Amino acid sequence: MHRYFDFAGNGTSYRQEIVAGLTTFLTMAYIIVVNPAILEAAGIPKGASMTATIISAAFGTLVMGVYAKRPFAIAPYMGENAFIAFTVVKVMGFSWQIALGAIFLAGVLFTVLTVLRIRGWLADAIPLNLKYSYAVGIGLFLTFIGLNEVGLVTLGVPGAPVSLGNISHTTVLLALFGFGLMAWLSVKRVHGALMIGIITVTALSIAAGLTPLPQAIFGMPSALTPLFAQLDIMGALSPKAWPVVLIVFVMAFVDTIGTLIGLSARAGFLDEKGNLPDIERPMLADALSNLVAPLLGTTTTGAYIESAAGIEEGGKTGFTSVVVAILFLCSLFLAPILTIVPAHAYGPVLVIIGSFMIKPVAKLDFDDLTELIPSFLTITLISFTYNIGVGMTAGLLSYPLLKTVTGRGKEVPAALWVLAGLSLLFYISYPYH
C-alpha cells in the first residue's frame, strides 16, 4: 500500500496521511448532522437521511482515494442541499423524490461528459488567472463561513448586512483561543496543528459545560428503507422540471471544477499551465458519487473545500481520503461521539485555511484588466453570494465577453464559450426570489 499511494514520491508517510485524514474528517463531520437537518425541511426522514449522508460520503471519498488517488473528501454539498430543500421543494413545489431524480439525471450527465473526456476538456480551457481566482475565492469563502460559524461575524441590519458578533461570548472567546493556538502551532510547523486545535477547543467546551457529553458512544444507524431508490426519474424528466436539472447540473459542475482546481493549487498538484493532470479521475469519482447519492436518498455530492484542512496537515495522496472514508463508515456507529465537535472548534480551522489559500492572489495579472476583472468578480461573488457556483459562472461569463468587446476574442478557446453558455443558462434558469 505504501508503494500504491507513492508516499515516497510525495514526501509523505502513513502517520502524516492519517493525521491529514483525521483533520479533514473532524473539519467536515458537521455534515453528518447538518445535512439531514436541512433536508428534513423538504420532508426527508432525518434518521434515514443521516445514514444516506454518511454512506454517500464514504463511497465517494473512497473512490476518490483508491481510484483518483487524491486527498479530496467527497460529501453532500452545503448550498445545494439548501437549494433543494427550500427552493426546489418549498418554493417551486416539487416533491423531494423528483428533486432526487433531477440530481440523478445530473449525475448521469456528469458521468457521460467525464467518460468522454469533455469535462476535462472544458476544465483545461479555463484561463490561468481564473484558476488562481478559484483558490483565492474559496479561501475567502472558507474564512467567511468560519467567522460566521463561530459568531465573530453575524447578520447585521439593512444597509450593513453583516456586523461584528459578541466577542465577550464564551464560545467566541474559545474560538479566538483556538485560532491563536492553531496559528502558533502552524508557525512552529507542528504536525497535526489543526487537529490539536480542534480537540483542545472541544475539550475546553465540554469542560465549560458548553458542549454536552454524548449520551452514548455507540449507536445503531437508521435504516435506509424510507429513502433508498425512492427518486422519481420520470417526474424529473417532465418539461417543468428541466430547469431544476439544469441548475443542479451547472451548480455542481462549476462547484466541482472550482473546488478541485482550488484545492490542487494549494496542494501543488497543478502543472505549469495550471491544469490538474489526470483530472478525469477525480471528476469521475465525483460523477459516480452523484449517481449513488440520490439512490441512497441524499443530495448533490462533490469534492469538499474542507479537504484543504487535511492538505495543510500534509495530505498528498489518496490514503488521506481512504482514512476519511473509513472514519465516515465508523460514524455510522459512533455518530454520538464523533458529532460533538462544536462550530467554535472547527470554525477557526476554516479561517486558518483561508489565510493559507489566498497566496495565489499574487499570481494574478493586475496589469491586464481583461484578466483581472473576471478574476475579481469570481473572488468577490463566491464570498458575497455565499455560493461558489455564482462566483465561478460570473467569471466564466464575463471573461470571454470582455475579451471579445475589447477586440481580443481570438484569445478565447472554443471550450470557454461552451462554459460561458452554460453560465448564461444558469442565470436564466436560476429561481430568483
Protein backbone atom coordinates (compact mmCIF):
# COMPACT_ATOMS: atom_id res chain seq x y z
CA MET A 1 0.00 0.00 0.00
CA HIS A 2 2.92 2.30 0.74
CA ARG A 3 4.02 1.90 -2.88
CA TYR A 4 0.47 2.06 -4.24
CA PHE A 5 -0.06 5.54 -2.80
CA ASP A 6 3.53 6.66 -3.58
CA PHE A 7 4.30 8.13 -0.18
CA ALA A 8 7.99 8.44 -1.03
CA GLY A 9 7.38 10.32 -4.27
CA ASN A 10 5.13 12.79 -2.46
CA GLY A 11 7.36 13.20 0.58
CA THR A 12 4.75 11.91 2.99
CA SER A 13 4.16 8.96 5.34
CA TYR A 14 1.43 6.83 6.91
CA ARG A 15 1.43 8.99 10.03
CA GLN A 16 1.20 12.22 8.08
CA GLU A 17 -1.62 10.92 5.87
CA ILE A 18 -3.56 9.56 8.85
CA VAL A 19 -3.30 12.90 10.68
CA ALA A 20 -4.40 14.65 7.48
CA GLY A 21 -7.40 12.32 7.14
CA LEU A 22 -8.40 12.81 10.77
CA THR A 23 -8.16 16.59 10.38
CA THR A 24 -10.26 16.65 7.21
CA PHE A 25 -12.89 14.43 8.83
CA LEU A 26 -13.11 16.46 12.03
CA THR A 27 -13.42 19.65 9.99
CA MET A 28 -16.29 18.35 7.87
CA ALA A 29 -18.00 15.92 10.29
CA TYR A 30 -20.68 18.55 10.89
CA ILE A 31 -22.25 17.48 7.58
CA ILE A 32 -23.41 14.25 9.27
CA VAL A 33 -25.83 16.27 11.40
CA VAL A 34 -26.37 19.43 9.34
CA ASN A 35 -27.31 17.81 6.02
CA PRO A 36 -30.20 15.73 7.46
CA ALA A 37 -31.39 18.76 9.45
CA ILE A 38 -31.61 20.85 6.27
CA LEU A 39 -33.22 18.12 4.17
CA GLU A 40 -35.81 17.47 6.87
CA ALA A 41 -37.41 20.75 5.76
CA ALA A 42 -38.16 19.02 2.44
CA GLY A 43 -39.88 16.13 4.21
CA ILE A 44 -36.92 13.74 4.01
CA PRO A 45 -36.81 11.47 7.11
CA LYS A 46 -33.97 12.63 9.34
CA GLY A 47 -32.67 9.28 10.58
CA ALA A 48 -32.50 7.65 7.17
CA SER A 49 -31.07 10.88 5.77
CA MET A 50 -28.16 10.73 8.21
CA THR A 51 -27.38 7.19 7.11
CA ALA A 52 -27.57 8.23 3.44
CA THR A 53 -25.30 11.20 4.12
CA ILE A 54 -22.65 9.02 5.76
CA ILE A 55 -22.70 6.22 3.19
CA SER A 56 -22.63 8.59 0.21
CA ALA A 57 -19.68 10.47 1.72
CA ALA A 58 -17.83 7.24 2.46
CA PHE A 59 -18.45 5.88 -1.04
CA GLY A 60 -17.39 8.99 -2.92
CA THR A 61 -14.36 9.62 -0.73
CA LEU A 62 -13.20 6.01 -1.02
CA VAL A 63 -13.44 6.14 -4.82
CA MET A 64 -11.53 9.42 -4.75
CA GLY A 65 -8.80 7.84 -2.63
CA VAL A 66 -8.44 4.46 -4.30
CA TYR A 67 -9.16 5.36 -7.93
CA ALA A 68 -8.23 9.04 -8.26
CA LYS A 69 -5.54 8.85 -5.55
CA ARG A 70 -6.17 12.43 -4.42
CA PRO A 71 -6.56 13.72 -0.82
CA PHE A 72 -10.00 15.19 -1.56
CA ALA A 73 -13.01 14.15 0.53
CA ILE A 74 -16.47 13.95 -1.03
CA ALA A 75 -19.77 14.59 0.77
CA PRO A 76 -23.17 16.20 0.15
CA TYR A 77 -22.67 19.84 -0.78
CA MET A 78 -23.79 22.59 1.53
CA GLY A 79 -25.71 25.14 -0.51
CA GLU A 80 -27.03 22.56 -2.93
CA ASN A 81 -28.85 20.81 -0.08
CA ALA A 82 -30.47 24.09 1.00
CA PHE A 83 -31.33 24.85 -2.64
CA ILE A 84 -33.14 21.51 -2.94
CA ALA A 85 -34.95 21.78 0.41
CA PHE A 86 -36.01 25.41 0.42
CA THR A 87 -36.15 26.40 -3.26
CA VAL A 88 -36.96 23.29 -5.29
CA VAL A 89 -39.33 21.73 -2.75
CA LYS A 90 -40.65 24.64 -0.67
CA VAL A 91 -40.80 27.40 -3.30
CA MET A 92 -41.09 25.59 -6.64
CA GLY A 93 -43.36 22.89 -5.23
CA PHE A 94 -41.59 19.75 -6.46
CA SER A 95 -41.52 16.63 -4.32
CA TRP A 96 -38.22 15.55 -2.81
CA GLN A 97 -38.47 12.40 -4.91
CA ILE A 98 -38.45 14.47 -8.12
CA ALA A 99 -35.60 16.59 -6.74
CA LEU A 100 -33.53 13.43 -6.17
CA GLY A 101 -34.44 12.30 -9.68
CA ALA A 102 -33.08 15.60 -11.04
CA ILE A 103 -29.83 15.06 -9.12
CA PHE A 104 -29.55 11.55 -10.56
CA LEU A 105 -30.02 12.85 -14.12
CA ALA A 106 -27.34 15.49 -13.48
CA GLY A 107 -25.10 12.68 -12.25
CA VAL A 108 -25.70 10.76 -15.48
CA LEU A 109 -24.67 13.85 -17.46
CA PHE A 110 -21.55 14.23 -15.29
CA THR A 111 -20.57 10.63 -15.87
CA VAL A 112 -21.09 10.72 -19.65
CA LEU A 113 -19.20 14.00 -20.04
CA THR A 114 -16.37 12.71 -17.85
CA VAL A 115 -16.02 9.36 -19.65
CA LEU A 116 -15.98 11.21 -22.98
CA ARG A 117 -13.28 13.50 -21.51
CA ILE A 118 -15.44 16.54 -22.22
CA ARG A 119 -15.36 17.73 -18.61
CA GLY A 120 -11.56 17.60 -18.67
CA TRP A 121 -11.52 19.47 -21.97
CA LEU A 122 -13.72 22.19 -20.50
CA ALA A 123 -11.67 22.40 -17.29
CA ASP A 124 -8.40 22.75 -19.19
CA ALA A 125 -9.85 25.66 -21.18
CA ILE A 126 -10.34 27.80 -18.07
CA PRO A 127 -7.77 30.67 -18.14
CA LEU A 128 -4.92 30.52 -15.65
CA ASN A 129 -5.96 33.72 -13.88
CA LEU A 130 -9.46 32.36 -13.30
CA LYS A 131 -7.97 29.17 -11.86
CA TYR A 132 -5.92 31.22 -9.41
CA SER A 133 -9.03 33.17 -8.51
CA TYR A 134 -10.84 29.94 -7.57
CA ALA A 135 -8.27 29.18 -4.88
CA VAL A 136 -8.43 32.74 -3.54
CA GLY A 137 -12.22 32.91 -3.69
CA ILE A 138 -12.63 29.55 -1.95
CA GLY A 139 -10.14 30.67 0.70
CA LEU A 140 -12.14 33.81 1.45
CA PHE A 141 -15.36 31.80 1.33
CA LEU A 142 -13.99 29.37 3.92
CA THR A 143 -12.94 32.32 6.05
CA PHE A 144 -16.40 33.86 5.83
CA ILE A 145 -18.02 30.53 6.76
CA GLY A 146 -15.64 30.09 9.68
CA LEU A 147 -16.16 33.60 11.03
CA ASN A 148 -19.92 33.15 10.79
CA GLU A 149 -19.89 29.69 12.37
CA VAL A 150 -18.04 30.90 15.47
CA GLY A 151 -20.17 34.03 15.84
CA LEU A 152 -17.44 36.56 15.14
CA VAL A 153 -19.36 37.82 12.10
CA THR A 154 -23.16 37.88 12.36
CA LEU A 155 -26.14 39.18 10.43
CA GLY A 156 -26.35 42.93 10.58
CA VAL A 157 -29.09 45.43 9.74
CA PRO A 158 -30.37 46.86 6.42
CA GLY A 159 -27.53 48.83 4.89
CA ALA A 160 -24.95 46.80 6.79
CA PRO A 161 -25.67 43.11 6.04
CA VAL A 162 -23.02 41.77 8.43
CA SER A 163 -21.57 43.03 11.67
CA LEU A 164 -19.19 42.11 14.46
CA GLY A 165 -20.52 39.45 16.79
CA ASN A 166 -20.39 39.48 20.57
CA ILE A 167 -16.70 38.88 21.27
CA SER A 168 -17.39 38.60 25.00
CA HIS A 169 -19.40 35.42 24.45
CA THR A 170 -17.62 32.35 25.78
CA THR A 171 -17.90 30.39 22.53
CA VAL A 172 -16.41 33.27 20.57
CA LEU A 173 -13.56 33.56 23.07
CA LEU A 174 -12.91 29.84 22.78
CA ALA A 175 -12.88 30.17 19.00
CA LEU A 176 -10.38 33.04 19.20
CA PHE A 177 -8.22 30.95 21.53
CA GLY A 178 -8.45 28.04 19.09
CA PHE A 179 -7.46 30.28 16.20
CA GLY A 180 -4.46 31.60 18.13
CA LEU A 181 -3.40 28.09 19.14
CA MET A 182 -3.67 26.76 15.58
CA ALA A 183 -1.83 29.76 14.18
CA TRP A 184 1.01 29.38 16.70
CA LEU A 185 1.31 25.63 16.11
CA SER A 186 1.24 26.18 12.32
CA VAL A 187 4.01 28.78 12.53
CA LYS A 188 6.02 26.26 14.60
CA ARG A 189 5.26 23.68 11.87
CA VAL A 190 3.82 21.23 14.37
CA HIS A 191 2.28 18.24 12.57
CA GLY A 192 -1.38 17.92 13.46
CA ALA A 193 -1.67 21.61 14.40
CA LEU A 194 -5.25 21.94 13.18
CA MET A 195 -6.39 18.66 14.70
CA ILE A 196 -4.76 19.57 18.03
CA GLY A 197 -6.66 22.86 17.97
CA ILE A 198 -9.99 21.17 17.23
CA ILE A 199 -9.57 18.59 20.00
CA THR A 200 -8.35 21.19 22.53
CA VAL A 201 -11.25 23.59 21.96
CA THR A 202 -13.76 20.72 22.03
CA ALA A 203 -12.34 19.51 25.37
CA LEU A 204 -12.46 23.04 26.83
CA SER A 205 -16.00 23.48 25.56
CA ILE A 206 -17.06 20.24 27.28
CA ALA A 207 -15.27 21.28 30.49
CA ALA A 208 -17.06 24.64 30.44
CA GLY A 209 -20.42 22.95 30.01
CA LEU A 210 -20.97 24.49 26.57
CA THR A 211 -20.88 21.19 24.73
CA PRO A 212 -22.74 18.28 26.31
CA LEU A 213 -21.09 14.92 26.56
CA PRO A 214 -22.69 12.33 24.28
CA GLN A 215 -25.34 10.18 25.94
CA ALA A 216 -23.71 7.13 24.38
CA ILE A 217 -20.56 6.22 22.49
CA PHE A 218 -22.16 3.74 20.12
CA GLY A 219 -25.41 3.93 18.24
CA MET A 220 -27.10 1.86 15.54
CA PRO A 221 -27.70 3.69 12.25
CA SER A 222 -31.23 4.22 11.00
CA ALA A 223 -32.40 2.02 8.13
CA LEU A 224 -32.26 3.43 4.60
CA THR A 225 -35.61 1.89 3.68
CA PRO A 226 -37.65 5.14 3.61
CA LEU A 227 -35.19 6.71 1.13
CA PHE A 228 -33.42 4.00 -0.82
CA ALA A 229 -34.31 4.12 -4.54
CA GLN A 230 -37.25 6.46 -3.88
CA LEU A 231 -36.15 9.00 -6.51
CA ASP A 232 -38.65 9.92 -9.23
CA ILE A 233 -36.72 9.96 -12.50
CA MET A 234 -39.79 10.18 -14.75
CA GLY A 235 -41.02 13.20 -12.82
CA ALA A 236 -37.62 14.84 -13.21
CA LEU A 237 -37.82 14.23 -16.99
CA SER A 238 -41.02 16.30 -17.28
CA PRO A 239 -40.54 19.65 -19.07
CA LYS A 240 -41.43 21.68 -15.97
CA ALA A 241 -38.59 20.02 -14.05
CA TRP A 242 -35.93 20.67 -16.70
CA PRO A 243 -34.82 23.97 -15.11
CA VAL A 244 -34.14 22.08 -11.86
CA VAL A 245 -31.99 19.51 -13.66
CA LEU A 246 -30.10 22.29 -15.46
CA ILE A 247 -29.44 24.33 -12.33
CA VAL A 248 -28.36 21.28 -10.32
CA PHE A 249 -26.07 20.26 -13.18
CA VAL A 250 -24.43 23.67 -13.62
CA MET A 251 -24.09 24.36 -9.89
CA ALA A 252 -22.42 21.02 -9.20
CA PHE A 253 -20.37 21.18 -12.41
CA VAL A 254 -18.75 24.51 -11.67
CA ASP A 255 -18.50 23.85 -7.91
CA THR A 256 -16.56 20.66 -8.51
CA ILE A 257 -14.20 22.13 -11.08
CA GLY A 258 -13.56 25.18 -8.92
CA THR A 259 -13.02 23.13 -5.78
CA LEU A 260 -10.71 20.60 -7.47
CA ILE A 261 -8.60 23.33 -9.06
CA GLY A 262 -8.58 25.49 -5.93
CA LEU A 263 -7.51 22.62 -3.68
CA SER A 264 -4.97 21.41 -6.24
CA ALA A 265 -3.46 24.87 -6.48
CA ARG A 266 -2.90 24.89 -2.74
CA ALA A 267 -1.57 21.31 -2.71
CA GLY A 268 0.85 21.98 -5.58
CA PHE A 269 -0.80 19.47 -7.94
CA LEU A 270 -1.23 21.83 -10.91
CA ASP A 271 1.20 21.73 -13.81
CA GLU A 272 2.92 24.73 -15.39
CA LYS A 273 -0.23 25.53 -17.40
CA GLY A 274 -2.40 25.50 -14.31
CA ASN A 275 -4.05 22.18 -15.23
CA LEU A 276 -4.60 19.22 -12.92
CA PRO A 277 -3.04 16.12 -14.51
CA ASP A 278 -5.49 13.23 -14.93
CA ILE A 279 -8.34 15.48 -13.82
CA GLU A 280 -10.79 12.97 -15.30
CA ARG A 281 -10.10 10.60 -12.39
CA PRO A 282 -11.24 12.88 -9.53
CA MET A 283 -14.06 14.10 -11.78
CA LEU A 284 -15.22 10.52 -12.35
CA ALA A 285 -15.14 9.90 -8.59
CA ASP A 286 -17.35 12.95 -8.22
CA ALA A 287 -19.65 11.84 -11.05
CA LEU A 288 -20.12 8.33 -9.68
CA SER A 289 -20.89 9.67 -6.21
CA ASN A 290 -23.61 11.81 -7.78
CA LEU A 291 -25.21 8.66 -9.18
CA VAL A 292 -25.10 6.87 -5.83
CA ALA A 293 -26.15 9.78 -3.56
CA PRO A 294 -29.72 10.24 -4.91
CA LEU A 295 -30.19 6.46 -4.99
CA LEU A 296 -29.34 6.40 -1.29
CA GLY A 297 -31.60 9.40 -0.66
CA THR A 298 -29.42 12.48 -0.35
CA THR A 299 -28.49 15.49 -2.46
CA THR A 300 -25.62 16.50 -4.73
CA THR A 301 -22.20 15.38 -3.57
CA GLY A 302 -18.76 16.60 -4.57
CA ALA A 303 -15.23 17.44 -3.51
CA TYR A 304 -15.26 19.33 -0.21
CA ILE A 305 -13.37 22.57 0.32
CA GLU A 306 -12.71 21.42 3.89
CA SER A 307 -10.27 18.93 2.33
CA ALA A 308 -7.86 21.87 2.46
CA ALA A 309 -7.53 21.19 6.21
CA GLY A 310 -6.01 17.78 5.53
CA ILE A 311 -3.84 19.17 2.74
CA GLU A 312 -2.41 21.71 5.18
CA GLU A 313 -1.56 18.84 7.50
CA GLY A 314 0.48 17.23 4.74
CA GLY A 315 -2.08 15.02 2.99
CA LYS A 316 -0.74 14.40 -0.51
CA THR A 317 -2.09 11.01 -1.61
CA GLY A 318 -5.33 9.10 -1.81
CA PHE A 319 -4.57 7.43 1.50
CA THR A 320 -5.78 10.61 3.21
CA SER A 321 -9.16 10.10 1.52
CA VAL A 322 -9.20 6.41 2.47
CA VAL A 323 -8.77 7.43 6.12
CA VAL A 324 -11.64 9.92 5.81
CA ALA A 325 -13.87 7.27 4.20
CA ILE A 326 -13.14 4.79 7.00
CA LEU A 327 -13.98 7.43 9.61
CA PHE A 328 -17.27 8.16 7.86
CA LEU A 329 -18.13 4.46 7.95
CA CYS A 330 -17.20 4.35 11.65
CA SER A 331 -19.50 7.29 12.24
CA LEU A 332 -22.44 5.05 11.31
CA PHE A 333 -21.97 3.51 14.75
CA LEU A 334 -20.00 6.26 16.53
CA ALA A 335 -22.13 9.24 15.49
CA PRO A 336 -22.96 10.21 19.11
CA ILE A 337 -19.30 10.87 19.95
CA LEU A 338 -17.93 11.89 16.55
CA THR A 339 -20.50 14.63 16.04
CA ILE A 340 -19.96 16.51 19.31
CA VAL A 341 -17.30 18.80 17.79
CA PRO A 342 -18.87 22.27 18.12
CA ALA A 343 -18.76 25.01 15.49
CA HIS A 344 -16.42 27.11 17.63
CA ALA A 345 -13.90 24.24 17.47
CA TYR A 346 -13.85 23.65 13.71
CA GLY A 347 -14.70 27.22 12.66
CA PRO A 348 -11.19 28.58 13.41
CA VAL A 349 -9.76 25.88 11.12
CA LEU A 350 -11.66 27.35 8.18
CA VAL A 351 -10.25 30.81 8.93
CA ILE A 352 -6.70 29.45 9.16
CA ILE A 353 -7.12 27.60 5.86
CA GLY A 354 -8.49 30.75 4.27
CA SER A 355 -5.31 32.60 5.16
CA PHE A 356 -3.26 29.86 3.53
CA MET A 357 -5.35 29.75 0.34
CA ILE A 358 -5.12 33.42 -0.67
CA LYS A 359 -1.47 33.03 -1.70
CA PRO A 360 -2.31 32.64 -5.46
CA VAL A 361 -3.63 36.22 -5.49
CA ALA A 362 0.00 37.27 -6.03
CA LYS A 363 -0.03 35.37 -9.33
CA LEU A 364 -2.96 37.30 -10.82
CA ASP A 365 -2.22 39.63 -13.74
CA PHE A 366 -3.05 43.04 -12.26
CA ASP A 367 -1.94 44.90 -15.41
CA ASP A 368 -4.37 43.28 -17.86
CA LEU A 369 -7.89 44.32 -16.89
CA THR A 370 -9.46 41.73 -19.18
CA GLU A 371 -7.84 39.14 -16.93
CA LEU A 372 -8.21 40.96 -13.61
CA ILE A 373 -11.87 41.98 -13.69
CA PRO A 374 -13.30 38.47 -14.32
CA SER A 375 -10.98 37.12 -11.63
CA PHE A 376 -12.11 39.84 -9.22
CA LEU A 377 -15.77 39.06 -9.92
CA THR A 378 -15.11 35.38 -9.25
CA ILE A 379 -13.32 36.02 -5.96
CA THR A 380 -15.80 38.52 -4.57
CA LEU A 381 -19.05 36.87 -5.68
CA ILE A 382 -18.04 33.46 -4.31
CA SER A 383 -17.97 35.03 -0.84
CA PHE A 384 -20.57 37.80 -1.13
CA THR A 385 -23.26 35.49 -2.56
CA TYR A 386 -22.23 32.58 -0.31
CA ASN A 387 -22.15 30.42 -3.44
CA ILE A 388 -19.12 29.07 -5.31
CA GLY A 389 -21.22 28.44 -8.41
CA VAL A 390 -22.37 32.05 -8.70
CA GLY A 391 -18.83 33.38 -8.46
CA MET A 392 -17.43 30.90 -10.96
CA THR A 393 -20.16 31.43 -13.54
CA ALA A 394 -19.71 35.21 -13.24
CA GLY A 395 -16.04 34.81 -14.15
CA LEU A 396 -16.69 32.27 -16.90
CA LEU A 397 -19.28 34.54 -18.50
CA SER A 398 -17.50 37.88 -18.14
CA TYR A 399 -14.08 36.65 -19.31
CA PRO A 400 -14.93 35.80 -22.95
CA LEU A 401 -17.33 38.75 -23.25
CA LEU A 402 -14.72 41.23 -22.04
CA LYS A 403 -12.07 39.75 -24.31
CA THR A 404 -14.43 39.97 -27.30
CA VAL A 405 -15.65 43.54 -26.81
CA THR A 406 -12.05 44.71 -26.44
CA GLY A 407 -11.02 43.10 -29.73
CA ARG A 408 -9.22 40.13 -28.22
CA GLY A 409 -11.77 37.41 -28.95
CA LYS A 410 -9.11 35.21 -30.55
CA GLU A 411 -7.69 34.58 -27.06
CA VAL A 412 -10.87 32.75 -26.06
CA PRO A 413 -10.81 28.98 -26.73
CA ALA A 414 -13.95 27.30 -28.03
CA ALA A 415 -14.44 25.30 -24.83
CA LEU A 416 -14.61 28.52 -22.82
CA TRP A 417 -17.54 29.69 -24.93
CA VAL A 418 -19.30 26.44 -24.00
CA LEU A 419 -18.73 27.21 -20.34
CA ALA A 420 -19.95 30.76 -20.88
CA GLY A 421 -23.13 29.38 -22.49
CA LEU A 422 -23.73 27.08 -19.51
CA SER A 423 -23.14 30.02 -17.18
CA LEU A 424 -25.69 32.11 -19.06
CA LEU A 425 -28.25 29.29 -18.84
CA PHE A 426 -27.54 29.11 -15.13
CA TYR A 427 -28.53 32.76 -14.63
CA ILE A 428 -31.54 32.48 -16.94
CA SER A 429 -32.93 29.43 -15.14
CA TYR A 430 -31.98 30.35 -11.58
CA PRO A 431 -35.11 30.69 -9.38
CA TYR A 432 -34.58 34.20 -8.01
CA HIS A 433 -36.67 35.11 -5.00
